[in-house]
């Protein structure tokens, strides 16, 4: 079974070289993970400190609204909750 797994590259023989490569790869992955975590925490801190409110306002002329709906133009303000005046 062990030879079959090695032949299919599903396993490696536990030599000191293979173990060293595996440990090096694990350390590299841990370092990359720690760096990503530090960056994420830095962004979180910046976002937590900011008090930004984003508000979108779109102004539409009544003529444009009527041309969009094309029917029931008289009811457009009520239909879309638009205050005219």
N, C-alpha and C. Protein backbone atom coordinates (compact mmCIF):
# COMPACT_ATOMS: atom_id res chain seq x y z
N UNK A 1 0.82 -1.18 0.00
CA UNK A 1 0.00 0.00 0.00
C UNK A 1 0.87 1.25 0.00
N UNK A 2 1.90 1.26 0.83
CA UNK A 2 2.77 2.42 0.93
C UNK A 2 3.46 2.71 -0.40
N UNK A 3 3.93 1.68 -1.08
CA UNK A 3 4.61 1.87 -2.37
C UNK A 3 3.63 2.38 -3.42
N UNK A 4 2.39 1.92 -3.36
CA UNK A 4 1.37 2.36 -4.30
C UNK A 4 1.11 3.86 -4.15
N UNK A 5 1.00 4.33 -2.92
CA UNK A 5 0.77 5.76 -2.67
C UNK A 5 1.95 6.61 -3.14
N UNK A 6 3.17 6.11 -2.93
CA UNK A 6 4.36 6.84 -3.36
C UNK A 6 4.42 6.89 -4.88
N UNK A 7 4.09 5.78 -5.56
CA UNK A 7 4.11 5.75 -7.02
C UNK A 7 3.11 6.73 -7.62
N UNK A 8 1.97 6.87 -6.98
CA UNK A 8 0.93 7.78 -7.48
C UNK A 8 1.11 9.21 -6.98
N UNK A 9 2.24 9.49 -6.34
CA UNK A 9 2.55 10.80 -5.77
C UNK A 9 1.50 11.28 -4.76
N UNK A 10 0.90 10.35 -4.05
CA UNK A 10 -0.04 10.68 -3.00
C UNK A 10 0.64 10.70 -1.63
N UNK A 11 1.88 10.25 -1.61
CA UNK A 11 2.65 10.24 -0.37
C UNK A 11 4.13 10.35 -0.72
N UNK A 12 4.93 10.73 0.26
CA UNK A 12 6.38 10.79 0.09
C UNK A 12 7.03 9.94 1.16
N UNK A 13 8.19 9.46 0.83
CA UNK A 13 8.95 8.69 1.81
C UNK A 13 9.47 9.66 2.87
N UNK A 14 9.40 9.25 4.12
CA UNK A 14 9.75 10.13 5.24
C UNK A 14 11.26 10.22 5.43
N UNK A 15 11.93 10.85 4.48
CA UNK A 15 13.37 11.08 4.61
C UNK A 15 13.57 12.41 5.32
N UNK A 16 14.78 12.62 5.81
CA UNK A 16 15.05 13.88 6.50
C UNK A 16 14.91 15.07 5.55
N UNK A 17 15.24 14.89 4.29
CA UNK A 17 15.10 15.95 3.30
C UNK A 17 13.62 16.29 3.08
N UNK A 18 12.76 15.28 2.94
CA UNK A 18 11.33 15.50 2.72
C UNK A 18 10.69 16.16 3.94
N UNK A 19 11.11 15.74 5.12
CA UNK A 19 10.59 16.33 6.35
C UNK A 19 11.02 17.79 6.45
N UNK A 20 12.26 18.09 6.11
CA UNK A 20 12.76 19.45 6.13
C UNK A 20 12.00 20.34 5.14
N UNK A 21 11.73 19.82 3.95
CA UNK A 21 10.97 20.57 2.95
C UNK A 21 9.56 20.86 3.46
N UNK A 22 8.95 19.88 4.09
CA UNK A 22 7.60 20.05 4.61
C UNK A 22 7.58 21.10 5.72
N UNK A 23 8.55 21.05 6.62
CA UNK A 23 8.60 22.05 7.70
C UNK A 23 8.84 23.45 7.15
N UNK A 24 9.71 23.55 6.15
CA UNK A 24 9.96 24.85 5.52
C UNK A 24 8.71 25.40 4.86
N UNK A 25 7.97 24.52 4.18
CA UNK A 25 6.73 24.94 3.53
C UNK A 25 5.70 25.39 4.56
N UNK A 26 5.61 24.66 5.68
CA UNK A 26 4.67 25.03 6.73
C UNK A 26 5.02 26.38 7.34
N UNK A 27 6.31 26.64 7.57
CA UNK A 27 6.74 27.92 8.14
C UNK A 27 6.43 29.06 7.17
N UNK A 28 6.65 28.81 5.89
CA UNK A 28 6.36 29.82 4.88
C UNK A 28 4.87 30.15 4.85
N UNK A 29 4.02 29.12 4.92
CA UNK A 29 2.57 29.32 4.93
C UNK A 29 2.12 30.06 6.19
N UNK A 30 2.72 29.72 7.33
CA UNK A 30 2.39 30.40 8.59
C UNK A 30 2.78 31.88 8.52
N UNK A 31 3.92 32.16 7.93
CA UNK A 31 4.38 33.54 7.80
C UNK A 31 3.44 34.34 6.90
N UNK A 32 3.03 33.74 5.78
CA UNK A 32 2.11 34.41 4.86
C UNK A 32 0.76 34.64 5.53
N UNK A 33 0.30 33.66 6.29
CA UNK A 33 -0.97 33.79 7.01
C UNK A 33 -0.89 34.90 8.06
N UNK A 34 0.21 34.96 8.78
CA UNK A 34 0.38 35.99 9.80
C UNK A 34 0.41 37.38 9.16
N UNK A 35 1.03 37.50 7.99
CA UNK A 35 1.10 38.78 7.29
C UNK A 35 -0.30 39.21 6.84
N UNK A 36 -1.08 38.28 6.28
CA UNK A 36 -2.44 38.60 5.86
C UNK A 36 -3.31 39.00 7.05
N UNK A 37 -3.14 38.31 8.15
CA UNK A 37 -3.90 38.62 9.36
C UNK A 37 -3.56 40.01 9.87
N UNK A 38 -2.27 40.35 9.87
CA UNK A 38 -1.85 41.68 10.32
C UNK A 38 -2.42 42.77 9.42
N UNK A 39 -2.41 42.54 8.12
CA UNK A 39 -2.97 43.52 7.19
C UNK A 39 -4.48 43.68 7.41
N UNK A 40 -5.17 42.57 7.62
CA UNK A 40 -6.62 42.62 7.85
C UNK A 40 -6.94 43.36 9.14
N UNK A 41 -6.16 43.14 10.19
CA UNK A 41 -6.38 43.83 11.46
C UNK A 41 -6.11 45.33 11.32
N UNK A 42 -5.12 45.69 10.51
CA UNK A 42 -4.81 47.10 10.27
C UNK A 42 -5.97 47.78 9.54
N UNK A 43 -6.51 47.12 8.54
CA UNK A 43 -7.65 47.67 7.80
C UNK A 43 -8.87 47.78 8.72
N UNK A 44 -9.08 46.78 9.54
CA UNK A 44 -10.21 46.80 10.48
C UNK A 44 -10.09 47.98 11.43
N UNK A 45 -8.88 48.23 11.92
CA UNK A 45 -8.67 49.35 12.84
C UNK A 45 -8.94 50.69 12.15
N UNK A 46 -8.50 50.82 10.89
CA UNK A 46 -8.74 52.06 10.15
C UNK A 46 -10.23 52.26 9.93
N UNK A 47 -10.91 51.21 9.53
CA UNK A 47 -12.35 51.32 9.27
C UNK A 47 -13.13 51.59 10.55
N UNK A 48 -12.68 51.03 11.65
CA UNK A 48 -13.34 51.25 12.92
C UNK A 48 -13.18 52.68 13.42
N UNK A 49 -12.08 53.31 13.06
CA UNK A 49 -11.82 54.68 13.50
C UNK A 49 -12.58 55.71 12.67
N UNK A 50 -12.91 55.35 11.44
CA UNK A 50 -13.60 56.29 10.56
C UNK A 50 -15.10 56.27 10.83
N UNK A 51 -15.68 57.43 10.74
CA UNK A 51 -17.13 57.52 10.86
C UNK A 51 -17.64 58.14 9.57
N UNK A 52 -17.75 57.31 8.58
CA UNK A 52 -18.17 57.78 7.27
C UNK A 52 -19.58 57.30 6.99
N UNK A 53 -20.41 58.22 6.57
CA UNK A 53 -21.77 57.87 6.18
C UNK A 53 -21.88 58.16 4.69
N UNK A 54 -22.28 57.18 3.95
CA UNK A 54 -22.44 57.34 2.52
C UNK A 54 -23.92 57.45 2.21
N UNK A 55 -24.27 58.50 1.49
CA UNK A 55 -25.67 58.71 1.16
C UNK A 55 -25.76 58.97 -0.35
N UNK A 56 -26.61 58.20 -1.02
CA UNK A 56 -26.80 58.36 -2.45
C UNK A 56 -28.11 59.09 -2.68
N UNK A 57 -28.03 60.14 -3.46
CA UNK A 57 -29.21 60.90 -3.81
C UNK A 57 -29.23 61.04 -5.33
N UNK A 58 -30.35 60.68 -5.92
CA UNK A 58 -30.48 60.82 -7.36
C UNK A 58 -31.65 61.75 -7.64
N UNK A 59 -31.35 62.78 -8.38
CA UNK A 59 -32.39 63.74 -8.71
C UNK A 59 -32.88 63.44 -10.12
N UNK A 60 -34.18 63.32 -10.26
CA UNK A 60 -34.77 63.02 -11.54
C UNK A 60 -35.82 64.09 -11.83
N UNK A 61 -35.75 64.66 -13.01
CA UNK A 61 -36.75 65.64 -13.43
C UNK A 61 -38.06 64.91 -13.70
N UNK A 62 -39.18 65.60 -13.47
CA UNK A 62 -40.48 64.99 -13.68
C UNK A 62 -40.66 64.54 -15.13
N UNK A 63 -40.10 65.32 -16.08
CA UNK A 63 -40.21 64.95 -17.50
C UNK A 63 -39.49 63.64 -17.77
N UNK A 64 -38.32 63.47 -17.16
CA UNK A 64 -37.56 62.23 -17.33
C UNK A 64 -38.33 61.07 -16.73
N UNK A 65 -38.92 61.29 -15.57
CA UNK A 65 -39.68 60.23 -14.92
C UNK A 65 -40.88 59.84 -15.77
N UNK A 66 -41.55 60.83 -16.34
CA UNK A 66 -42.71 60.54 -17.18
C UNK A 66 -42.27 59.82 -18.45
N UNK A 67 -41.11 60.17 -19.00
CA UNK A 67 -40.66 59.50 -20.20
C UNK A 67 -40.21 58.07 -19.88
N UNK A 68 -39.79 57.83 -18.67
CA UNK A 68 -39.40 56.48 -18.28
C UNK A 68 -40.64 55.61 -18.10
N UNK A 69 -41.63 56.13 -17.42
CA UNK A 69 -42.82 55.32 -17.16
C UNK A 69 -43.77 55.30 -18.34
N UNK A 70 -43.89 56.43 -19.05
CA UNK A 70 -44.71 56.60 -20.24
C UNK A 70 -46.20 56.34 -20.04
N UNK A 71 -46.56 55.76 -18.98
CA UNK A 71 -47.98 55.57 -18.73
C UNK A 71 -48.27 56.00 -17.30
N UNK A 72 -49.44 56.48 -17.11
CA UNK A 72 -49.87 56.95 -15.80
C UNK A 72 -48.92 58.03 -15.27
N UNK A 73 -48.56 58.95 -16.14
CA UNK A 73 -47.62 60.00 -15.78
C UNK A 73 -48.15 60.85 -14.62
N UNK A 74 -49.43 61.00 -14.55
CA UNK A 74 -50.01 61.79 -13.47
C UNK A 74 -49.85 61.12 -12.12
N UNK A 75 -49.77 59.79 -12.11
CA UNK A 75 -49.63 59.06 -10.84
C UNK A 75 -48.18 58.76 -10.49
N UNK A 76 -47.25 59.18 -11.33
CA UNK A 76 -45.83 58.86 -11.10
C UNK A 76 -45.35 59.33 -9.74
N UNK A 77 -45.63 60.57 -9.32
CA UNK A 77 -45.14 60.99 -8.00
C UNK A 77 -45.65 60.12 -6.87
N UNK A 78 -46.89 59.73 -6.90
CA UNK A 78 -47.45 58.88 -5.84
C UNK A 78 -46.87 57.46 -5.93
N UNK A 79 -46.73 56.98 -7.18
CA UNK A 79 -46.25 55.62 -7.40
C UNK A 79 -44.82 55.42 -6.87
N UNK A 80 -43.98 56.45 -7.07
CA UNK A 80 -42.60 56.32 -6.67
C UNK A 80 -42.28 57.07 -5.39
N UNK A 81 -43.27 57.60 -4.72
CA UNK A 81 -43.06 58.28 -3.45
C UNK A 81 -42.26 59.56 -3.61
N UNK A 82 -42.52 60.29 -4.68
CA UNK A 82 -41.77 61.51 -4.96
C UNK A 82 -42.58 62.71 -4.53
N UNK A 83 -41.90 63.62 -3.84
CA UNK A 83 -42.56 64.85 -3.42
C UNK A 83 -42.30 65.90 -4.50
N UNK A 84 -43.34 66.47 -5.00
CA UNK A 84 -43.20 67.51 -5.99
C UNK A 84 -43.58 68.85 -5.38
N UNK A 85 -42.99 69.87 -5.91
CA UNK A 85 -43.38 71.15 -5.34
C UNK A 85 -42.54 72.25 -5.74
